Amino acid sequence: MNQMNQPQNVQQNQPLMNEPPQIISTKDHLYLTDMLSWNLTAMKKARFYAQQCQIHEVQAALDKVGQMHHRHYQQILKHVNANAQQMQ
């Protein structure tokens, strides 16, 4: 029973980060690259299926999903580019 409570205590003692760190670690960089890839793939798939769809409501929903993934892609890219400029 004590072991189950231990991970919660460890998480509670860690300081919270209000802003992202100034330097991106290799692990973080790889994760950001993966996130860009996932969002780009989801955006492309949503666009493709929206073009194939004959039901207007479904097409509109897929367009909305594609736009959401596009926004996420742009936000991640903006963060990565801002960090790259700071390092120069």
PDB file of N, CA and C in Angstrom:
ATOM      1  N   MET A   1       0.816  -1.190   0.000  1.00  0.00           N
ATOM      2  CA  MET A   1       0.000   0.000   0.000  1.00  0.00           C
ATOM      3  C   MET A   1       0.869   1.268   0.000  1.00  0.00           C
ATOM      4  N   ASN A   2       1.968   1.233   0.721  1.00  0.00           N
ATOM      5  CA  ASN A   2       2.860   2.368   0.773  1.00  0.00           C
ATOM      6  C   ASN A   2       3.472   2.679  -0.581  1.00  0.00           C
ATOM      7  N   GLN A   3       3.789   1.652  -1.358  1.00  0.00           N
ATOM      8  CA  GLN A   3       4.410   1.840  -2.656  1.00  0.00           C
ATOM      9  C   GLN A   3       3.470   2.530  -3.632  1.00  0.00           C
ATOM     10  N   MET A   4       2.182   2.316  -3.502  1.00  0.00           N
ATOM     11  CA  MET A   4       1.227   2.947  -4.411  1.00  0.00           C
ATOM     12  C   MET A   4       1.154   4.448  -4.175  1.00  0.00           C
ATOM     13  N   ASN A   5       1.367   4.889  -2.957  1.00  0.00           N
ATOM     14  CA  ASN A   5       1.303   6.316  -2.651  1.00  0.00           C
ATOM     15  C   ASN A   5       2.600   7.038  -2.986  1.00  0.00           C
ATOM     16  N   GLN A   6       3.684   6.316  -3.087  1.00  0.00           N
ATOM     17  CA  GLN A   6       4.985   6.921  -3.307  1.00  0.00           C
ATOM     18  C   GLN A   6       5.079   7.723  -4.609  1.00  0.00           C
ATOM     19  N   PRO A   7       4.644   7.220  -5.773  1.00  0.00           N
ATOM     20  CA  PRO A   7       4.755   8.027  -6.994  1.00  0.00           C
ATOM     21  C   PRO A   7       3.988   9.349  -6.919  1.00  0.00           C
ATOM     22  N   GLN A   8       2.860   9.361  -6.239  1.00  0.00           N
ATOM     23  CA  GLN A   8       2.099  10.598  -6.108  1.00  0.00           C
ATOM     24  C   GLN A   8       2.886  11.621  -5.297  1.00  0.00           C
ATOM     25  N   ASN A   9       3.557  11.170  -4.258  1.00  0.00           N
ATOM     26  CA  ASN A   9       4.347  12.084  -3.436  1.00  0.00           C
ATOM     27  C   ASN A   9       5.522  12.654  -4.213  1.00  0.00           C
ATOM     28  N   VAL A  10       6.145  11.845  -5.043  1.00  0.00           N
ATOM     29  CA  VAL A  10       7.271  12.300  -5.849  1.00  0.00           C
ATOM     30  C   VAL A  10       6.804  13.392  -6.802  1.00  0.00           C
ATOM     31  N   GLN A  11       5.652  13.201  -7.446  1.00  0.00           N
ATOM     32  CA  GLN A  11       5.125  14.181  -8.386  1.00  0.00           C
ATOM     33  C   GLN A  11       4.761  15.484  -7.676  1.00  0.00           C
ATOM     34  N   GLN A  12       4.278  15.406  -6.472  1.00  0.00           N
ATOM     35  CA  GLN A  12       3.870  16.606  -5.743  1.00  0.00           C
ATOM     36  C   GLN A  12       5.070  17.444  -5.321  1.00  0.00           C
ATOM     37  N   ASN A  13       6.220  16.830  -5.131  1.00  0.00           N
ATOM     38  CA  ASN A  13       7.408  17.544  -4.674  1.00  0.00           C
ATOM     39  C   ASN A  13       8.176  18.200  -5.806  1.00  0.00           C
ATOM     40  N   GLN A  14       7.841  17.913  -7.049  1.00  0.00           N
ATOM     41  CA  GLN A  14       8.549  18.496  -8.181  1.00  0.00           C
ATOM     42  C   GLN A  14       8.033  19.910  -8.440  1.00  0.00           C
ATOM     43  N   PRO A  15       8.942  20.848  -8.718  1.00  0.00           N
ATOM     44  CA  PRO A  15       8.502  22.220  -8.998  1.00  0.00           C
ATOM     45  C   PRO A  15       7.763  22.289 -10.338  1.00  0.00           C
ATOM     46  N   LEU A  16       6.792  23.185 -10.416  1.00  0.00           N
ATOM     47  CA  LEU A  16       6.044  23.374 -11.658  1.00  0.00           C
ATOM     48  C   LEU A  16       6.790  24.344 -12.555  1.00  0.00           C
ATOM     49  N   MET A  17       6.749  24.090 -13.864  1.00  0.00           N
ATOM     50  CA  MET A  17       7.354  24.976 -14.847  1.00  0.00           C
ATOM     51  C   MET A  17       6.275  25.878 -15.419  1.00  0.00           C
ATOM     52  N   ASN A  18       6.418  27.169 -15.235  1.00  0.00           N
ATOM     53  CA  ASN A  18       5.444  28.109 -15.781  1.00  0.00           C
ATOM     54  C   ASN A  18       5.734  28.444 -17.238  1.00  0.00           C
ATOM     55  N   GLU A  19       6.992  28.313 -17.637  1.00  0.00           N
ATOM     56  CA  GLU A  19       7.385  28.591 -19.014  1.00  0.00           C
ATOM     57  C   GLU A  19       8.308  27.472 -19.489  1.00  0.00           C
ATOM     58  N   PRO A  20       8.352  27.234 -20.799  1.00  0.00           N
ATOM     59  CA  PRO A  20       9.247  26.186 -21.301  1.00  0.00           C
ATOM     60  C   PRO A  20      10.702  26.577 -21.082  1.00  0.00           C
ATOM     61  N   PRO A  21      11.590  25.598 -20.967  1.00  0.00           N
ATOM     62  CA  PRO A  21      13.011  25.911 -20.780  1.00  0.00           C
ATOM     63  C   PRO A  21      13.594  26.592 -22.018  1.00  0.00           C
ATOM     64  N   GLN A  22      14.682  27.316 -21.824  1.00  0.00           N
ATOM     65  CA  GLN A  22      15.314  28.043 -22.925  1.00  0.00           C
ATOM     66  C   GLN A  22      16.025  27.101 -23.901  1.00  0.00           C
ATOM     67  N   ILE A  23      16.443  25.946 -23.407  1.00  0.00           N
ATOM     68  CA  ILE A  23      17.162  24.992 -24.243  1.00  0.00           C
ATOM     69  C   ILE A  23      16.314  23.736 -24.397  1.00  0.00           C
ATOM     70  N   ILE A  24      16.222  23.241 -25.620  1.00  0.00           N
ATOM     71  CA  ILE A  24      15.469  22.024 -25.889  1.00  0.00           C
ATOM     72  C   ILE A  24      16.445  20.855 -25.893  1.00  0.00           C
ATOM     73  N   SER A  25      16.171  19.868 -25.056  1.00  0.00           N
ATOM     74  CA  SER A  25      17.027  18.680 -25.013  1.00  0.00           C
ATOM     75  C   SER A  25      16.809  17.851 -26.274  1.00  0.00           C
ATOM     76  N   THR A  26      17.698  16.913 -26.490  1.00  0.00           N
ATOM     77  CA  THR A  26      17.562  16.017 -27.643  1.00  0.00           C
ATOM     78  C   THR A  26      16.258  15.251 -27.573  1.00  0.00           C
ATOM     79  N   LYS A  27      15.926  14.766 -26.393  1.00  0.00           N
ATOM     80  CA  LYS A  27      14.680  14.021 -26.208  1.00  0.00           C
ATOM     81  C   LYS A  27      13.477  14.901 -26.519  1.00  0.00           C
ATOM     82  N   ASP A  28      13.485  16.147 -26.028  1.00  0.00           N
ATOM     83  CA  ASP A  28      12.395  17.077 -26.317  1.00  0.00           C
ATOM     84  C   ASP A  28      12.310  17.383 -27.810  1.00  0.00           C
ATOM     85  N   HIS A  29      13.466  17.555 -28.441  1.00  0.00           N
ATOM     86  CA  HIS A  29      13.494  17.841 -29.880  1.00  0.00           C
ATOM     87  C   HIS A  29      12.868  16.698 -30.673  1.00  0.00           C
ATOM     88  N   LEU A  30      13.220  15.469 -30.305  1.00  0.00           N
ATOM     89  CA  LEU A  30      12.643  14.308 -30.991  1.00  0.00           C
ATOM     90  C   LEU A  30      11.136  14.238 -30.769  1.00  0.00           C
ATOM     91  N   TYR A  31      10.695  14.555 -29.564  1.00  0.00           N
ATOM     92  CA  TYR A  31       9.257  14.542 -29.282  1.00  0.00           C
ATOM     93  C   TYR A  31       8.546  15.633 -30.075  1.00  0.00           C
ATOM     94  N   LEU A  32       9.125  16.814 -30.157  1.00  0.00           N
ATOM     95  CA  LEU A  32       8.521  17.893 -30.938  1.00  0.00           C
ATOM     96  C   LEU A  32       8.451  17.510 -32.419  1.00  0.00           C
ATOM     97  N   THR A  33       9.490  16.857 -32.918  1.00  0.00           N
ATOM     98  CA  THR A  33       9.488  16.387 -34.303  1.00  0.00           C
ATOM     99  C   THR A  33       8.357  15.388 -34.523  1.00  0.00           C
ATOM    100  N   ASP A  34       8.188  14.482 -33.573  1.00  0.00           N
ATOM    101  CA  ASP A  34       7.081  13.514 -33.657  1.00  0.00           C
ATOM    102  C   ASP A  34       5.735  14.226 -33.647  1.00  0.00           C
ATOM    103  N   MET A  35       5.578  15.215 -32.769  1.00  0.00           N
ATOM    104  CA  MET A  35       4.304  15.944 -32.692  1.00  0.00           C
ATOM    105  C   MET A  35       4.007  16.669 -33.999  1.00  0.00           C
ATOM    106  N   LEU A  36       5.033  17.255 -34.612  1.00  0.00           N
ATOM    107  CA  LEU A  36       4.838  17.905 -35.912  1.00  0.00           C
ATOM    108  C   LEU A  36       4.389  16.888 -36.949  1.00  0.00           C
ATOM    109  N   SER A  37       5.025  15.737 -36.949  1.00  0.00           N
ATOM    110  CA  SER A  37       4.684  14.682 -37.896  1.00  0.00           C
ATOM    111  C   SER A  37       3.255  14.188 -37.693  1.00  0.00           C
ATOM    112  N   TRP A  38       2.868  13.959 -36.429  1.00  0.00           N
ATOM    113  CA  TRP A  38       1.513  13.474 -36.136  1.00  0.00           C
ATOM    114  C   TRP A  38       0.465  14.481 -36.592  1.00  0.00           C
ATOM    115  N   ASN A  39       0.703  15.757 -36.313  1.00  0.00           N
ATOM    116  CA  ASN A  39      -0.267  16.774 -36.700  1.00  0.00           C
ATOM    117  C   ASN A  39      -0.338  16.948 -38.211  1.00  0.00           C
ATOM    118  N   LEU A  40       0.799  16.885 -38.874  1.00  0.00           N
ATOM    119  CA  LEU A  40       0.809  17.001 -40.333  1.00  0.00           C
ATOM    120  C   LEU A  40       0.064  15.828 -40.965  1.00  0.00           C
ATOM    121  N   THR A  41       0.307  14.628 -40.459  1.00  0.00           N
ATOM    122  CA  THR A  41      -0.380  13.444 -40.982  1.00  0.00           C
ATOM    123  C   THR A  41      -1.886  13.534 -40.748  1.00  0.00           C
ATOM    124  N   ALA A  42      -2.279  13.921 -39.542  1.00  0.00           N
ATOM    125  CA  ALA A  42      -3.706  14.040 -39.228  1.00  0.00           C
ATOM    126  C   ALA A  42      -4.368  15.108 -40.087  1.00  0.00           C
ATOM    127  N   MET A  43      -3.657  16.220 -40.311  1.00  0.00           N
ATOM    128  CA  MET A  43      -4.189  17.291 -41.145  1.00  0.00           C
ATOM    129  C   MET A  43      -4.401  16.801 -42.581  1.00  0.00           C
ATOM    130  N   LYS A  44      -3.423  16.103 -43.127  1.00  0.00           N
ATOM    131  CA  LYS A  44      -3.529  15.593 -44.495  1.00  0.00           C
ATOM    132  C   LYS A  44      -4.650  14.564 -44.629  1.00  0.00           C
ATOM    133  N   LYS A  45      -4.768  13.676 -43.639  1.00  0.00           N
ATOM    134  CA  LYS A  45      -5.821  12.662 -43.691  1.00  0.00           C
ATOM    135  C   LYS A  45      -7.199  13.304 -43.600  1.00  0.00           C
ATOM    136  N   ALA A  46      -7.357  14.272 -42.705  1.00  0.00           N
ATOM    137  CA  ALA A  46      -8.653  14.942 -42.573  1.00  0.00           C
ATOM    138  C   ALA A  46      -9.022  15.646 -43.872  1.00  0.00           C
ATOM    139  N   ARG A  47      -8.054  16.292 -44.491  1.00  0.00           N
ATOM    140  CA  ARG A  47      -8.320  16.982 -45.765  1.00  0.00           C
ATOM    141  C   ARG A  47      -8.708  15.987 -46.858  1.00  0.00           C
ATOM    142  N   PHE A  48      -7.970  14.874 -46.946  1.00  0.00           N
ATOM    143  CA  PHE A  48      -8.263  13.860 -47.952  1.00  0.00           C
ATOM    144  C   PHE A  48      -9.678  13.310 -47.772  1.00  0.00           C
ATOM    145  N   TYR A  49     -10.015  12.918 -46.542  1.00  0.00           N
ATOM    146  CA  TYR A  49     -11.331  12.332 -46.299  1.00  0.00           C
ATOM    147  C   TYR A  49     -12.448  13.357 -46.470  1.00  0.00           C
ATOM    148  N   ALA A  50     -12.185  14.616 -46.156  1.00  0.00           N
ATOM    149  CA  ALA A  50     -13.189  15.655 -46.381  1.00  0.00           C
ATOM    150  C   ALA A  50     -13.475  15.803 -47.869  1.00  0.00           C
ATOM    151  N   GLN A  51     -12.446  15.699 -48.697  1.00  0.00           N
ATOM    152  CA  GLN A  51     -12.627  15.807 -50.145  1.00  0.00           C
ATOM    153  C   GLN A  51     -13.391  14.617 -50.704  1.00  0.00           C
ATOM    154  N   GLN A  52     -13.253  13.456 -50.067  1.00  0.00           N
ATOM    155  CA  GLN A  52     -13.927  12.246 -50.529  1.00  0.00           C
ATOM    156  C   GLN A  52     -15.370  12.141 -50.035  1.00  0.00           C
ATOM    157  N   CYS A  53     -15.681  12.904 -49.017  1.00  0.00           N
ATOM    158  CA  CYS A  53     -16.970  12.779 -48.336  1.00  0.00           C
ATOM    159  C   CYS A  53     -18.099  13.439 -49.130  1.00  0.00           C
ATOM    160  N   GLN A  54     -19.267  12.809 -49.118  1.00  0.00           N
ATOM    161  CA  GLN A  54     -20.431  13.341 -49.823  1.00  0.00           C
ATOM    162  C   GLN A  54     -21.456  13.950 -48.863  1.00  0.00           C
ATOM    163  N   ILE A  55     -21.298  13.685 -47.592  1.00  0.00           N
ATOM    164  CA  ILE A  55     -22.225  14.217 -46.578  1.00  0.00           C
ATOM    165  C   ILE A  55     -21.645  15.530 -46.065  1.00  0.00           C
ATOM    166  N   HIS A  56     -22.397  16.608 -46.276  1.00  0.00           N
ATOM    167  CA  HIS A  56     -21.888  17.946 -45.974  1.00  0.00           C
ATOM    168  C   HIS A  56     -21.494  18.106 -44.504  1.00  0.00           C
ATOM    169  N   GLU A  57     -22.287  17.584 -43.591  1.00  0.00           N
ATOM    170  CA  GLU A  57     -21.998  17.738 -42.159  1.00  0.00           C
ATOM    171  C   GLU A  57     -20.688  17.040 -41.777  1.00  0.00           C
ATOM    172  N   VAL A  58     -20.484  15.862 -42.331  1.00  0.00           N
ATOM    173  CA  VAL A  58     -19.258  15.114 -42.048  1.00  0.00           C
ATOM    174  C   VAL A  58     -18.070  15.836 -42.687  1.00  0.00           C
ATOM    175  N   GLN A  59     -18.255  16.334 -43.888  1.00  0.00           N
ATOM    176  CA  GLN A  59     -17.200  17.067 -44.573  1.00  0.00           C
ATOM    177  C   GLN A  59     -16.792  18.301 -43.771  1.00  0.00           C
ATOM    178  N   ALA A  60     -17.781  19.021 -43.252  1.00  0.00           N
ATOM    179  CA  ALA A  60     -17.497  20.214 -42.445  1.00  0.00           C
ATOM    180  C   ALA A  60     -16.748  19.842 -41.163  1.00  0.00           C
ATOM    181  N   ALA A  61     -17.143  18.730 -40.536  1.00  0.00           N
ATOM    182  CA  ALA A  61     -16.469  18.288 -39.317  1.00  0.00           C
ATOM    183  C   ALA A  61     -15.021  17.899 -39.611  1.00  0.00           C
ATOM    184  N   LEU A  62     -14.790  17.216 -40.730  1.00  0.00           N
ATOM    185  CA  LEU A  62     -13.426  16.832 -41.103  1.00  0.00           C
ATOM    186  C   LEU A  62     -12.582  18.061 -41.436  1.00  0.00           C
ATOM    187  N   ASP A  63     -13.178  19.053 -42.085  1.00  0.00           N
ATOM    188  CA  ASP A  63     -12.461  20.303 -42.352  1.00  0.00           C
ATOM    189  C   ASP A  63     -12.053  20.979 -41.047  1.00  0.00           C
ATOM    190  N   LYS A  64     -12.950  20.974 -40.087  1.00  0.00           N
ATOM    191  CA  LYS A  64     -12.680  21.582 -38.782  1.00  0.00           C
ATOM    192  C   LYS A  64     -11.533  20.845 -38.082  1.00  0.00           C
ATOM    193  N   VAL A  65     -11.545  19.527 -38.155  1.00  0.00           N
ATOM    194  CA  VAL A  65     -10.467  18.718 -37.568  1.00  0.00           C
ATOM    195  C   VAL A  65      -9.136  19.042 -38.248  1.00  0.00           C
ATOM    196  N   GLY A  66      -9.150  19.122 -39.562  1.00  0.00           N
ATOM    197  CA  GLY A  66      -7.933  19.458 -40.299  1.00  0.00           C
ATOM    198  C   GLY A  66      -7.389  20.824 -39.921  1.00  0.00           C
ATOM    199  N   GLN A  67      -8.279  21.797 -39.751  1.00  0.00           N
ATOM    200  CA  GLN A  67      -7.860  23.142 -39.357  1.00  0.00           C
ATOM    201  C   GLN A  67      -7.261  23.145 -37.953  1.00  0.00           C
ATOM    202  N   MET A  68      -7.848  22.349 -37.054  1.00  0.00           N
ATOM    203  CA  MET A  68      -7.328  22.251 -35.695  1.00  0.00           C
ATOM    204  C   MET A  68      -5.898  21.703 -35.717  1.00  0.00           C
ATOM    205  N   HIS A  69      -5.672  20.633 -36.482  1.00  0.00           N
ATOM    206  CA  HIS A  69      -4.331  20.052 -36.555  1.00  0.00           C
ATOM    207  C   HIS A  69      -3.353  21.013 -37.228  1.00  0.00           C
ATOM    208  N   HIS A  70      -3.830  21.792 -38.178  1.00  0.00           N
ATOM    209  CA  HIS A  70      -2.984  22.801 -38.812  1.00  0.00           C
ATOM    210  C   HIS A  70      -2.556  23.860 -37.790  1.00  0.00           C
ATOM    211  N   ARG A  71      -3.502  24.305 -36.965  1.00  0.00           N
ATOM    212  CA  ARG A  71      -3.174  25.282 -35.914  1.00  0.00           C
ATOM    213  C   ARG A  71      -2.156  24.703 -34.941  1.00  0.00           C
ATOM    214  N   HIS A  72      -2.341  23.452 -34.535  1.00  0.00           N
ATOM    215  CA  HIS A  72      -1.405  22.816 -33.610  1.00  0.00           C
ATOM    216  C   HIS A  72      -0.011  22.726 -34.244  1.00  0.00           C
ATOM    217  N   TYR A  73       0.034  22.346 -35.513  1.00  0.00           N
ATOM    218  CA  TYR A  73       1.305  22.254 -36.236  1.00  0.00           C
ATOM    219  C   TYR A  73       2.005  23.613 -36.236  1.00  0.00           C
ATOM    220  N   GLN A  74       1.248  24.669 -36.550  1.00  0.00           N
ATOM    221  CA  GLN A  74       1.822  26.014 -36.599  1.00  0.00           C
ATOM    222  C   GLN A  74       2.320  26.472 -35.226  1.00  0.00           C
ATOM    223  N   GLN A  75       1.575  26.151 -34.173  1.00  0.00           N
ATOM    224  CA  GLN A  75       1.989  26.541 -32.821  1.00  0.00           C
ATOM    225  C   GLN A  75       3.278  25.846 -32.406  1.00  0.00           C
ATOM    226  N   ILE A  76       3.385  24.568 -32.703  1.00  0.00           N
ATOM    227  CA  ILE A  76       4.600  23.822 -32.365  1.00  0.00           C
ATOM    228  C   ILE A  76       5.782  24.361 -33.174  1.00  0.00           C
ATOM    229  N   LEU A  77       5.566  24.589 -34.462  1.00  0.00           N
ATOM    230  CA  LEU A  77       6.619  25.111 -35.334  1.00  0.00           C
ATOM    231  C   LEU A  77       7.077  26.494 -34.866  1.00  0.00           C
ATOM    232  N   LYS A  78       6.143  27.322 -34.449  1.00  0.00           N
ATOM    233  CA  LYS A  78       6.465  28.664 -33.949  1.00  0.00           C
ATOM    234  C   LYS A  78       7.360  28.558 -32.716  1.00  0.00           C
ATOM    235  N   HIS A  79       7.038  27.638 -31.818  1.00  0.00           N
ATOM    236  CA  HIS A  79       7.845  27.459 -30.619  1.00  0.00           C
ATOM    237  C   HIS A  79       9.250  26.966 -30.977  1.00  0.00           C
ATOM    238  N   VAL A  80       9.332  26.012 -31.867  1.00  0.00           N
ATOM    239  CA  VAL A  80      10.628  25.463 -32.268  1.00  0.00           C
ATOM    240  C   VAL A  80      11.466  26.544 -32.948  1.00  0.00           C
ATOM    241  N   ASN A  81      10.866  27.313 -33.836  1.00  0.00           N
ATOM    242  CA  ASN A  81      11.597  28.371 -34.537  1.00  0.00           C
ATOM    243  C   ASN A  81      12.049  29.472 -33.588  1.00  0.00           C
ATOM    244  N   ALA A  82      11.205  29.834 -32.626  1.00  0.00           N
ATOM    245  CA  ALA A  82      11.574  30.866 -31.653  1.00  0.00           C
ATOM    246  C   ALA A  82      12.761  30.399 -30.836  1.00  0.00           C
ATOM    247  N   ASN A  83      12.752  29.139 -30.458  1.00  0.00           N
ATOM    248  CA  ASN A  83      13.866  28.591 -29.672  1.00  0.00           C
ATOM    249  C   ASN A  83      15.138  28.543 -30.505  1.00  0.00           C
ATOM    250  N   ALA A  84      15.028  28.200 -31.778  1.00  0.00           N
ATOM    251  CA  ALA A  84      16.201  28.146 -32.654  1.00  0.00           C
ATOM    252  C   ALA A  84      16.822  29.529 -32.838  1.00  0.00           C
ATOM    253  N   GLN A  85      15.987  30.547 -32.932  1.00  0.00           N
ATOM    254  CA  GLN A  85      16.498  31.914 -33.113  1.00  0.00           C
ATOM    255  C   GLN A  85      17.206  32.401 -31.851  1.00  0.00           C
ATOM    256  N   GLN A  86      16.706  31.983 -30.683  1.00  0.00           N
ATOM    257  CA  GLN A  86      17.337  32.394 -29.427  1.00  0.00           C
ATOM    258  C   GLN A  86      18.730  31.779 -29.279  1.00  0.00           C
ATOM    259  N   MET A  87      18.921  30.608 -29.859  1.00  0.00           N
ATOM    260  CA  MET A  87      20.190  29.916 -29.720  1.00  0.00           C
ATOM    261  C   MET A  87      21.259  30.479 -30.649  1.00  0.00           C
ATOM    262  N   GLN A  88      20.880  31.272 -31.641  1.00  0.00           N
ATOM    263  CA  GLN A  88      21.853  31.796 -32.601  1.00  0.00           C
ATOM    264  C   GLN A  88      22.581  32.980 -32.051  1.00  0.00           C
TER     265      GLN A  88
END
